[in-house]
Amino acid sequence: QAPGKEREFVGSINSNGRTTYYKDSVKGRFTISRDNAKNTVYLQ
């Protein structure tokens, strides 16, 4: 959420980490991953 703007979707990752989805403007620049053993999701 940027100042003065609505909250917007950046990306999502399914439960096993094999499938990801991204907002068009971040595709190729952002990467979502997760480590279920650490209960952690990342946004590179």
All heavy atoms as atom14 arrays in JSON, in Angstrom:
{
  "sequence": "QAPGKEREFVGSINSNGRTTYYKDSVKGRFTISRDNAKNTVYLQ",
  "atom14_mask": [
    [1, 1, 1, 1, 1, 1, 1, 1, 1, 0, 0, 0, 0, 0],
    [1, 1, 1, 1, 1, 0, 0, 0, 0, 0, 0, 0, 0, 0],
    [1, 1, 1, 1, 1, 1, 1, 0, 0, 0, 0, 0, 0, 0],
    [1, 1, 1, 1, 0, 0, 0, 0, 0, 0, 0, 0, 0, 0],
    [1, 1, 1, 1, 1, 1, 1, 1, 1, 0, 0, 0, 0, 0],
    [1, 1, 1, 1, 1, 1, 1, 1, 1, 0, 0, 0, 0, 0],
    [1, 1, 1, 1, 1, 1, 1, 1, 1, 1, 1, 0, 0, 0],
    [1, 1, 1, 1, 1, 1, 1, 1, 1, 0, 0, 0, 0, 0],
    [1, 1, 1, 1, 1, 1, 1, 1, 1, 1, 1, 0, 0, 0],
    [1, 1, 1, 1, 1, 1, 1, 0, 0, 0, 0, 0, 0, 0],
    [1, 1, 1, 1, 0, 0, 0, 0, 0, 0, 0, 0, 0, 0],
    [1, 1, 1, 1, 1, 1, 0, 0, 0, 0, 0, 0, 0, 0],
    [1, 1, 1, 1, 1, 1, 1, 1, 0, 0, 0, 0, 0, 0],
    [1, 1, 1, 1, 1, 1, 1, 1, 0, 0, 0, 0, 0, 0],
    [1, 1, 1, 1, 1, 1, 0, 0, 0, 0, 0, 0, 0, 0],
    [1, 1, 1, 1, 1, 1, 1, 1, 0, 0, 0, 0, 0, 0],
    [1, 1, 1, 1, 0, 0, 0, 0, 0, 0, 0, 0, 0, 0],
    [1, 1, 1, 1, 1, 1, 1, 1, 1, 1, 1, 0, 0, 0],
    [1, 1, 1, 1, 1, 1, 1, 0, 0, 0, 0, 0, 0, 0],
    [1, 1, 1, 1, 1, 1, 1, 0, 0, 0, 0, 0, 0, 0],
    [1, 1, 1, 1, 1, 1, 1, 1, 1, 1, 1, 1, 0, 0],
    [1, 1, 1, 1, 1, 1, 1, 1, 1, 1, 1, 1, 0, 0],
    [1, 1, 1, 1, 1, 1, 1, 1, 1, 0, 0, 0, 0, 0],
    [1, 1, 1, 1, 1, 1, 1, 1, 0, 0, 0, 0, 0, 0],
    [1, 1, 1, 1, 1, 1, 0, 0, 0, 0, 0, 0, 0, 0],
    [1, 1, 1, 1, 1, 1, 1, 0, 0, 0, 0, 0, 0, 0],
    [1, 1, 1, 1, 1, 1, 1, 1, 1, 0, 0, 0, 0, 0],
    [1, 1, 1, 1, 0, 0, 0, 0, 0, 0, 0, 0, 0, 0],
    [1, 1, 1, 1, 1, 1, 1, 1, 1, 1, 1, 0, 0, 0],
    [1, 1, 1, 1, 1, 1, 1, 1, 1, 1, 1, 0, 0, 0],
    [1, 1, 1, 1, 1, 1, 1, 0, 0, 0, 0, 0, 0, 0],
    [1, 1, 1, 1, 1, 1, 1, 1, 0, 0, 0, 0, 0, 0],
    [1, 1, 1, 1, 1, 1, 0, 0, 0, 0, 0, 0, 0, 0],
    [1, 1, 1, 1, 1, 1, 1, 1, 1, 1, 1, 0, 0, 0],
    [1, 1, 1, 1, 1, 1, 1, 1, 0, 0, 0, 0, 0, 0],
    [1, 1, 1, 1, 1, 1, 1, 1, 0, 0, 0, 0, 0, 0],
    [1, 1, 1, 1, 1, 0, 0, 0, 0, 0, 0, 0, 0, 0],
    [1, 1, 1, 1, 1, 1, 1, 1, 1, 0, 0, 0, 0, 0],
    [1, 1, 1, 1, 1, 1, 1, 1, 0, 0, 0, 0, 0, 0],
    [1, 1, 1, 1, 1, 1, 1, 0, 0, 0, 0, 0, 0, 0],
    [1, 1, 1, 1, 1, 1, 1, 0, 0, 0, 0, 0, 0, 0],
    [1, 1, 1, 1, 1, 1, 1, 1, 1, 1, 1, 1, 0, 0],
    [1, 1, 1, 1, 1, 1, 1, 1, 0, 0, 0, 0, 0, 0],
    [1, 1, 1, 1, 1, 1, 1, 1, 1, 0, 0, 0, 0, 0]
  ],
  "atom14_positions": [
    [[0.86, -1.19, 0.0], [0.0, 0.0, 0.0], [0.88, 1.23, 0.0], [1.65, 1.46, 0.95], [-0.92, 0.01, 1.22], [-1.95, 1.12, 1.19], [-3.06, 0.89, 2.19], [-2.94, 0.13, 3.14], [-4.17, 1.58, 1.99], [0.0, 0.0, 0.0], [0.0, 0.0, 0.0], [0.0, 0.0, 0.0], [0.0, 0.0, 0.0], [0.0, 0.0, 0.0]],
    [[0.77, 1.99, -1.08], [1.51, 3.25, -1.2], [0.69, 4.37, -0.58], [-0.54, 4.25, -0.46], [1.8, 3.53, -2.66], [0.0, 0.0, 0.0], [0.0, 0.0, 0.0], [0.0, 0.0, 0.0], [0.0, 0.0, 0.0], [0.0, 0.0, 0.0], [0.0, 0.0, 0.0], [0.0, 0.0, 0.0], [0.0, 0.0, 0.0], [0.0, 0.0, 0.0]],
    [[1.32, 5.45, -0.2], [0.59, 6.57, 0.41], [-0.53, 7.05, -0.5], [-0.32, 7.3, -1.69], [1.67, 7.64, 0.58], [2.94, 6.88, 0.68], [2.78, 5.69, -0.22], [0.0, 0.0, 0.0], [0.0, 0.0, 0.0], [0.0, 0.0, 0.0], [0.0, 0.0, 0.0], [0.0, 0.0, 0.0], [0.0, 0.0, 0.0], [0.0, 0.0, 0.0]],
    [[-1.71, 7.15, 0.07], [-2.85, 7.67, -0.67], [-3.47, 6.69, -1.65], [-4.37, 7.07, -2.41], [0.0, 0.0, 0.0], [0.0, 0.0, 0.0], [0.0, 0.0, 0.0], [0.0, 0.0, 0.0], [0.0, 0.0, 0.0], [0.0, 0.0, 0.0], [0.0, 0.0, 0.0], [0.0, 0.0, 0.0], [0.0, 0.0, 0.0], [0.0, 0.0, 0.0]],
    [[-3.0, 5.45, -1.63], [-3.52, 4.46, -2.57], [-4.09, 3.27, -1.83], [-3.81, 3.05, -0.65], [-2.42, 4.02, -3.54], [-1.91, 5.12, -4.45], [-0.97, 4.56, -5.48], [-0.51, 5.64, -6.44], [0.4, 5.11, -7.49], [0.0, 0.0, 0.0], [0.0, 0.0, 0.0], [0.0, 0.0, 0.0], [0.0, 0.0, 0.0], [0.0, 0.0, 0.0]],
    [[-4.88, 2.48, -2.54], [-5.44, 1.28, -1.95], [-4.39, 0.16, -1.89], [-3.43, 0.16, -2.65], [-6.65, 0.82, -2.77], [-7.84, 1.76, -2.7], [-9.06, 1.17, -3.38], [-8.95, 0.1, -4.01], [-10.13, 1.79, -3.27], [0.0, 0.0, 0.0], [0.0, 0.0, 0.0], [0.0, 0.0, 0.0], [0.0, 0.0, 0.0], [0.0, 0.0, 0.0]],
    [[-4.64, -0.75, -0.99], [-3.77, -1.91, -0.9], [-3.88, -2.73, -2.18], [-4.99, -2.98, -2.67], [-4.15, -2.75, 0.32], [-3.16, -3.84, 0.66], [-3.46, -4.45, 2.02], [-3.36, -3.46, 3.09], [-3.4, -3.77, 4.37], [-3.51, -5.05, 4.76], [-3.33, -2.83, 5.28], [0.0, 0.0, 0.0], [0.0, 0.0, 0.0], [0.0, 0.0, 0.0]],
    [[-2.74, -3.16, -2.72], [-2.76, -3.91, -3.97], [-1.97, -5.21, -3.85], [-1.01, -5.32, -3.08], [-2.2, -3.08, -5.13], [-0.74, -2.73, -5.02], [-0.21, -2.01, -6.25], [-0.99, -1.68, -7.16], [1.02, -1.76, -6.29], [0.0, 0.0, 0.0], [0.0, 0.0, 0.0], [0.0, 0.0, 0.0], [0.0, 0.0, 0.0], [0.0, 0.0, 0.0]],
    [[-2.41, -6.16, -4.63], [-1.78, -7.48, -4.7], [-0.4, -7.37, -5.35], [-0.25, -6.71, -6.37], [-2.69, -8.4, -5.52], [-2.13, -9.75, -5.82], [-2.07, -10.72, -4.84], [-1.7, -10.06, -7.1], [-1.59, -11.99, -5.12], [-1.22, -11.32, -7.4], [-1.15, -12.29, -6.41], [0.0, 0.0, 0.0], [0.0, 0.0, 0.0], [0.0, 0.0, 0.0]],
    [[0.57, -8.03, -4.75], [1.91, -8.12, -5.33], [2.14, -9.52, -5.88], [2.58, -9.69, -7.02], [2.99, -7.79, -4.29], [4.38, -8.03, -4.86], [2.85, -6.35, -3.81], [0.0, 0.0, 0.0], [0.0, 0.0, 0.0], [0.0, 0.0, 0.0], [0.0, 0.0, 0.0], [0.0, 0.0, 0.0], [0.0, 0.0, 0.0], [0.0, 0.0, 0.0]],
    [[1.83, -10.53, -5.07], [2.0, -11.89, -5.52], [1.56, -12.87, -4.46], [1.3, -12.5, -3.31], [0.0, 0.0, 0.0], [0.0, 0.0, 0.0], [0.0, 0.0, 0.0], [0.0, 0.0, 0.0], [0.0, 0.0, 0.0], [0.0, 0.0, 0.0], [0.0, 0.0, 0.0], [0.0, 0.0, 0.0], [0.0, 0.0, 0.0], [0.0, 0.0, 0.0]],
    [[1.47, -14.14, -4.85], [1.07, -15.17, -3.92], [1.77, -16.48, -4.26], [2.28, -16.65, -5.38], [-0.45, -15.36, -3.91], [-0.93, -15.66, -5.2], [0.0, 0.0, 0.0], [0.0, 0.0, 0.0], [0.0, 0.0, 0.0], [0.0, 0.0, 0.0], [0.0, 0.0, 0.0], [0.0, 0.0, 0.0], [0.0, 0.0, 0.0], [0.0, 0.0, 0.0]],
    [[1.79, -17.37, -3.29], [2.47, -18.66, -3.46], [1.61, -19.74, -2.83], [1.05, -19.55, -1.74], [3.88, -18.61, -2.84], [4.67, -19.87, -3.13], [3.83, -18.31, -1.34], [6.15, -19.76, -2.8], [0.0, 0.0, 0.0], [0.0, 0.0, 0.0], [0.0, 0.0, 0.0], [0.0, 0.0, 0.0], [0.0, 0.0, 0.0], [0.0, 0.0, 0.0]],
    [[1.51, -20.87, -3.51], [0.64, -21.92, -2.97], [1.32, -22.63, -1.8], [2.46, -22.33, -1.44], [0.22, -22.89, -4.08], [1.32, -23.86, -4.46], [2.5, -23.54, -4.37], [0.93, -25.04, -4.9], [0.0, 0.0, 0.0], [0.0, 0.0, 0.0], [0.0, 0.0, 0.0], [0.0, 0.0, 0.0], [0.0, 0.0, 0.0], [0.0, 0.0, 0.0]],
    [[0.62, -23.56, -1.22], [1.05, -24.14, 0.05], [2.39, -24.86, -0.03], [3.19, -24.81, 0.91], [-0.01, -25.08, 0.61], [-0.32, -26.09, -0.34], [0.0, 0.0, 0.0], [0.0, 0.0, 0.0], [0.0, 0.0, 0.0], [0.0, 0.0, 0.0], [0.0, 0.0, 0.0], [0.0, 0.0, 0.0], [0.0, 0.0, 0.0], [0.0, 0.0, 0.0]],
    [[2.66, -25.53, -1.16], [3.93, -26.27, -1.25], [5.03, -25.48, -1.93], [6.14, -25.98, -2.11], [3.72, -27.62, -1.95], [3.27, -27.49, -3.39], [3.4, -26.44, -4.0], [2.74, -28.57, -3.93], [0.0, 0.0, 0.0], [0.0, 0.0, 0.0], [0.0, 0.0, 0.0], [0.0, 0.0, 0.0], [0.0, 0.0, 0.0], [0.0, 0.0, 0.0]],
    [[4.73, -24.26, -2.31], [5.73, -23.39, -2.88], [6.03, -23.59, -4.35], [6.92, -22.94, -4.9], [0.0, 0.0, 0.0], [0.0, 0.0, 0.0], [0.0, 0.0, 0.0], [0.0, 0.0, 0.0], [0.0, 0.0, 0.0], [0.0, 0.0, 0.0], [0.0, 0.0, 0.0], [0.0, 0.0, 0.0], [0.0, 0.0, 0.0], [0.0, 0.0, 0.0]],
    [[5.27, -24.44, -5.01], [5.58, -24.76, -6.41], [4.9, -23.83, -7.4], [5.27, -23.8, -8.58], [5.18, -26.2, -6.71], [6.01, -27.22, -5.96], [5.5, -28.63, -6.18], [6.26, -29.61, -5.39], [5.92, -30.88, -5.25], [4.85, -31.35, -5.87], [6.66, -31.68, -4.51], [0.0, 0.0, 0.0], [0.0, 0.0, 0.0], [0.0, 0.0, 0.0]],
    [[3.91, -23.09, -6.96], [3.16, -22.22, -7.86], [3.11, -20.81, -7.31], [2.79, -20.62, -6.12], [1.72, -22.74, -8.05], [1.77, -24.1, -8.49], [0.99, -21.91, -9.09], [0.0, 0.0, 0.0], [0.0, 0.0, 0.0], [0.0, 0.0, 0.0], [0.0, 0.0, 0.0], [0.0, 0.0, 0.0], [0.0, 0.0, 0.0], [0.0, 0.0, 0.0]],
    [[3.44, -19.87, -8.16], [3.41, -18.46, -7.75], [2.65, -17.64, -8.77], [2.55, -18.01, -9.95], [4.84, -17.89, -7.6], [5.57, -18.13, -8.8], [5.57, -18.52, -6.43], [0.0, 0.0, 0.0], [0.0, 0.0, 0.0], [0.0, 0.0, 0.0], [0.0, 0.0, 0.0], [0.0, 0.0, 0.0], [0.0, 0.0, 0.0], [0.0, 0.0, 0.0]],
    [[2.12, -16.54, -8.32], [1.4, -15.59, -9.16], [1.89, -14.2, -8.8], [2.19, -13.92, -7.63], [-0.11, -15.7, -8.91], [-0.68, -17.05, -9.26], [-0.66, -18.09, -8.34], [-1.24, -17.28, -10.51], [-1.17, -19.33, -8.66], [-1.77, -18.53, -10.84], [-1.73, -19.54, -9.91], [-2.23, -20.78, -10.23], [0.0, 0.0, 0.0], [0.0, 0.0, 0.0]],
    [[1.93, -13.32, -9.8], [2.45, -11.97, -9.57], [1.61, -10.92, -10.28], [1.03, -11.16, -11.33], [3.89, -11.86, -10.1], [4.87, -12.78, -9.42], [5.19, -14.01, -9.98], [5.46, -12.42, -8.22], [6.09, -14.87, -9.35], [6.36, -13.27, -7.58], [6.66, -14.49, -8.16], [7.55, -15.33, -7.53], [0.0, 0.0, 0.0], [0.0, 0.0, 0.0]],
    [[1.63, -9.75, -9.68], [1.12, -8.56, -10.37], [2.0, -8.32, -11.59], [3.21, -8.52, -11.54], [1.21, -7.38, -9.4], [0.9, -6.02, -9.95], [1.09, -4.96, -8.88], [0.91, -3.57, -9.43], [-0.47, -3.34, -9.9], [0.0, 0.0, 0.0], [0.0, 0.0, 0.0], [0.0, 0.0, 0.0], [0.0, 0.0, 0.0], [0.0, 0.0, 0.0]],
    [[1.4, -7.9, -12.69], [2.14, -7.75, -13.94], [3.37, -6.85, -13.79], [4.42, -7.14, -14.35], [1.23, -7.19, -15.03], [0.28, -8.24, -15.59], [0.49, -9.44, -15.32], [-0.66, -7.85, -16.29], [0.0, 0.0, 0.0], [0.0, 0.0, 0.0], [0.0, 0.0, 0.0], [0.0, 0.0, 0.0], [0.0, 0.0, 0.0], [0.0, 0.0, 0.0]],
    [[3.23, -5.77, -13.06], [4.31, -4.8, -13.0], [5.53, -5.29, -12.22], [6.59, -4.66, -12.27], [3.82, -3.49, -12.4], [3.41, -3.67, -11.05], [0.0, 0.0, 0.0], [0.0, 0.0, 0.0], [0.0, 0.0, 0.0], [0.0, 0.0, 0.0], [0.0, 0.0, 0.0], [0.0, 0.0, 0.0], [0.0, 0.0, 0.0], [0.0, 0.0, 0.0]],
    [[5.41, -6.4, -11.51], [6.56, -6.92, -10.75], [7.09, -8.22, -11.33], [8.12, -8.73, -10.86], [6.23, -7.11, -9.25], [5.64, -5.83, -8.66], [5.31, -8.29, -9.01], [0.0, 0.0, 0.0], [0.0, 0.0, 0.0], [0.0, 0.0, 0.0], [0.0, 0.0, 0.0], [0.0, 0.0, 0.0], [0.0, 0.0, 0.0], [0.0, 0.0, 0.0]],
    [[6.41, -8.75, -12.34], [6.89, -10.0, -12.94], [8.3, -9.83, -13.49], [8.6, -8.83, -14.15], [5.94, -10.43, -14.06], [4.64, -11.01, -13.58], [3.74, -11.39, -14.76], [2.43, -11.94, -14.29], [1.52, -12.25, -15.42], [0.0, 0.0, 0.0], [0.0, 0.0, 0.0], [0.0, 0.0, 0.0], [0.0, 0.0, 0.0], [0.0, 0.0, 0.0]],
    [[9.13, -10.81, -13.21], [10.51, -10.74, -13.67], [11.43, -9.98, -12.74], [12.66, -10.06, -12.88], [0.0, 0.0, 0.0], [0.0, 0.0, 0.0], [0.0, 0.0, 0.0], [0.0, 0.0, 0.0], [0.0, 0.0, 0.0], [0.0, 0.0, 0.0], [0.0, 0.0, 0.0], [0.0, 0.0, 0.0], [0.0, 0.0, 0.0], [0.0, 0.0, 0.0]],
    [[10.85, -9.23, -11.79], [11.67, -8.48, -10.83], [11.52, -9.03, -9.41], [12.48, -9.01, -8.65], [11.27, -7.0, -10.84], [11.43, -6.31, -12.17], [11.25, -4.8, -12.04], [9.91, -4.43, -11.6], [9.65, -3.72, -10.51], [10.65, -3.31, -9.73], [8.4, -3.42, -10.19], [0.0, 0.0, 0.0], [0.0, 0.0, 0.0], [0.0, 0.0, 0.0]],
    [[10.33, -9.49, -9.08], [10.05, -9.99, -7.72], [9.89, -11.5, -7.76], [9.36, -12.06, -8.72], [8.77, -9.38, -7.18], [8.84, -7.91, -6.84], [9.92, -7.12, -7.22], [7.8, -7.32, -6.13], [9.96, -5.77, -6.9], [7.83, -5.98, -5.8], [8.92, -5.2, -6.2], [0.0, 0.0, 0.0], [0.0, 0.0, 0.0], [0.0, 0.0, 0.0]],
    [[10.32, -12.14, -6.69], [10.17, -13.59, -6.56], [9.7, -13.93, -5.15], [10.29, -13.48, -4.16], [11.51, -14.31, -6.81], [11.99, -13.98, -8.11], [11.32, -15.82, -6.71], [0.0, 0.0, 0.0], [0.0, 0.0, 0.0], [0.0, 0.0, 0.0], [0.0, 0.0, 0.0], [0.0, 0.0, 0.0], [0.0, 0.0, 0.0], [0.0, 0.0, 0.0]],
    [[8.63, -14.71, -5.1], [8.11, -15.18, -3.82], [8.55, -16.63, -3.62], [8.47, -17.44, -4.54], [6.58, -15.1, -3.77], [6.12, -13.65, -3.9], [6.05, -15.69, -2.46], [4.62, -13.49, -3.99], [0.0, 0.0, 0.0], [0.0, 0.0, 0.0], [0.0, 0.0, 0.0], [0.0, 0.0, 0.0], [0.0, 0.0, 0.0], [0.0, 0.0, 0.0]],
    [[8.99, -16.92, -2.41], [9.36, -18.29, -2.06], [8.95, -18.54, -0.62], [8.57, -17.6, 0.1], [10.86, -18.52, -2.25], [11.6, -17.65, -1.41], [0.0, 0.0, 0.0], [0.0, 0.0, 0.0], [0.0, 0.0, 0.0], [0.0, 0.0, 0.0], [0.0, 0.0, 0.0], [0.0, 0.0, 0.0], [0.0, 0.0, 0.0], [0.0, 0.0, 0.0]],
    [[9.01, -19.78, -0.21], [8.65, -20.1, 1.17], [9.48, -21.27, 1.66], [9.92, -22.12, 0.89], [7.16, -20.4, 1.29], [6.69, -21.65, 0.57], [5.17, -21.72, 0.54], [4.57, -21.84, 1.86], [3.29, -21.61, 2.12], [2.47, -21.21, 1.15], [2.83, -21.76, 3.35], [0.0, 0.0, 0.0], [0.0, 0.0, 0.0], [0.0, 0.0, 0.0]],
    [[9.67, -21.28, 2.97], [10.33, -22.38, 3.65], [9.37, -22.86, 4.72], [9.26, -22.24, 5.79], [11.65, -21.92, 4.25], [12.46, -23.04, 4.88], [11.85, -24.08, 5.21], [13.66, -22.89, 5.06], [0.0, 0.0, 0.0], [0.0, 0.0, 0.0], [0.0, 0.0, 0.0], [0.0, 0.0, 0.0], [0.0, 0.0, 0.0], [0.0, 0.0, 0.0]],
    [[8.66, -23.93, 4.43], [7.63, -24.4, 5.36], [8.23, -24.92, 6.67], [7.56, -24.91, 7.7], [6.76, -25.45, 4.69], [5.78, -24.85, 3.7], [5.51, -23.63, 3.71], [5.26, -25.68, 2.81], [0.0, 0.0, 0.0], [0.0, 0.0, 0.0], [0.0, 0.0, 0.0], [0.0, 0.0, 0.0], [0.0, 0.0, 0.0], [0.0, 0.0, 0.0]],
    [[9.46, -25.38, 6.62], [10.11, -25.84, 7.85], [10.38, -24.68, 8.8], [10.49, -24.89, 10.02], [11.41, -26.55, 7.51], [0.0, 0.0, 0.0], [0.0, 0.0, 0.0], [0.0, 0.0, 0.0], [0.0, 0.0, 0.0], [0.0, 0.0, 0.0], [0.0, 0.0, 0.0], [0.0, 0.0, 0.0], [0.0, 0.0, 0.0], [0.0, 0.0, 0.0]],
    [[10.49, -23.47, 8.24], [10.75, -22.29, 9.06], [9.53, -21.4, 9.21], [9.63, -20.3, 9.76], [11.9, -21.49, 8.46], [13.24, -22.21, 8.45], [14.34, -21.34, 7.87], [15.68, -22.05, 7.9], [16.77, -21.2, 7.33], [0.0, 0.0, 0.0], [0.0, 0.0, 0.0], [0.0, 0.0, 0.0], [0.0, 0.0, 0.0], [0.0, 0.0, 0.0]],
    [[8.4, -21.84, 8.67], [7.17, -21.03, 8.73], [7.41, -19.62, 8.17], [6.91, -18.63, 8.7], [6.65, -20.91, 10.16], [5.8, -22.09, 10.59], [5.86, -23.15, 9.97], [5.02, -21.92, 11.63], [0.0, 0.0, 0.0], [0.0, 0.0, 0.0], [0.0, 0.0, 0.0], [0.0, 0.0, 0.0], [0.0, 0.0, 0.0], [0.0, 0.0, 0.0]],
    [[8.13, -19.54, 7.08], [8.55, -18.25, 6.55], [8.26, -18.16, 5.06], [8.49, -19.11, 4.31], [10.04, -18.01, 6.81], [10.3, -18.09, 8.21], [10.46, -16.63, 6.31], [0.0, 0.0, 0.0], [0.0, 0.0, 0.0], [0.0, 0.0, 0.0], [0.0, 0.0, 0.0], [0.0, 0.0, 0.0], [0.0, 0.0, 0.0], [0.0, 0.0, 0.0]],
    [[7.78, -17.0, 4.65], [7.61, -16.69, 3.24], [8.46, -15.47, 2.94], [8.62, -14.58, 3.78], [6.12, -16.46, 2.88], [5.53, -15.29, 3.65], [5.94, -16.27, 1.39], [0.0, 0.0, 0.0], [0.0, 0.0, 0.0], [0.0, 0.0, 0.0], [0.0, 0.0, 0.0], [0.0, 0.0, 0.0], [0.0, 0.0, 0.0], [0.0, 0.0, 0.0]],
    [[9.02, -15.44, 1.73], [9.96, -14.4, 1.34], [9.45, -13.66, 0.11], [8.74, -14.22, -0.73], [11.33, -15.0, 1.02], [11.93, -15.81, 2.14], [11.77, -17.2, 2.17], [12.65, -15.21, 3.16], [12.33, -17.95, 3.19], [13.2, -15.95, 4.18], [13.04, -17.33, 4.2], [13.58, -18.07, 5.22], [0.0, 0.0, 0.0], [0.0, 0.0, 0.0]],
    [[9.88, -12.41, 0.01], [9.65, -11.64, -1.2], [10.99, -11.02, -1.59], [11.45, -10.08, -0.96], [8.61, -10.54, -0.97], [8.32, -9.64, -2.18], [7.7, -10.45, -3.31], [7.38, -8.5, -1.78], [0.0, 0.0, 0.0], [0.0, 0.0, 0.0], [0.0, 0.0, 0.0], [0.0, 0.0, 0.0], [0.0, 0.0, 0.0], [0.0, 0.0, 0.0]],
    [[11.6, -11.61, -2.62], [12.85, -11.08, -3.14], [12.51, -10.03, -4.19], [11.81, -10.33, -5.16], [13.68, -12.2, -3.77], [14.9, -11.72, -4.54], [15.99, -11.17, -3.66], [16.28, -11.74, -2.61], [16.61, -10.06, -4.06], [0.0, 0.0, 0.0], [0.0, 0.0, 0.0], [0.0, 0.0, 0.0], [0.0, 0.0, 0.0], [0.0, 0.0, 0.0]]
  ]
}
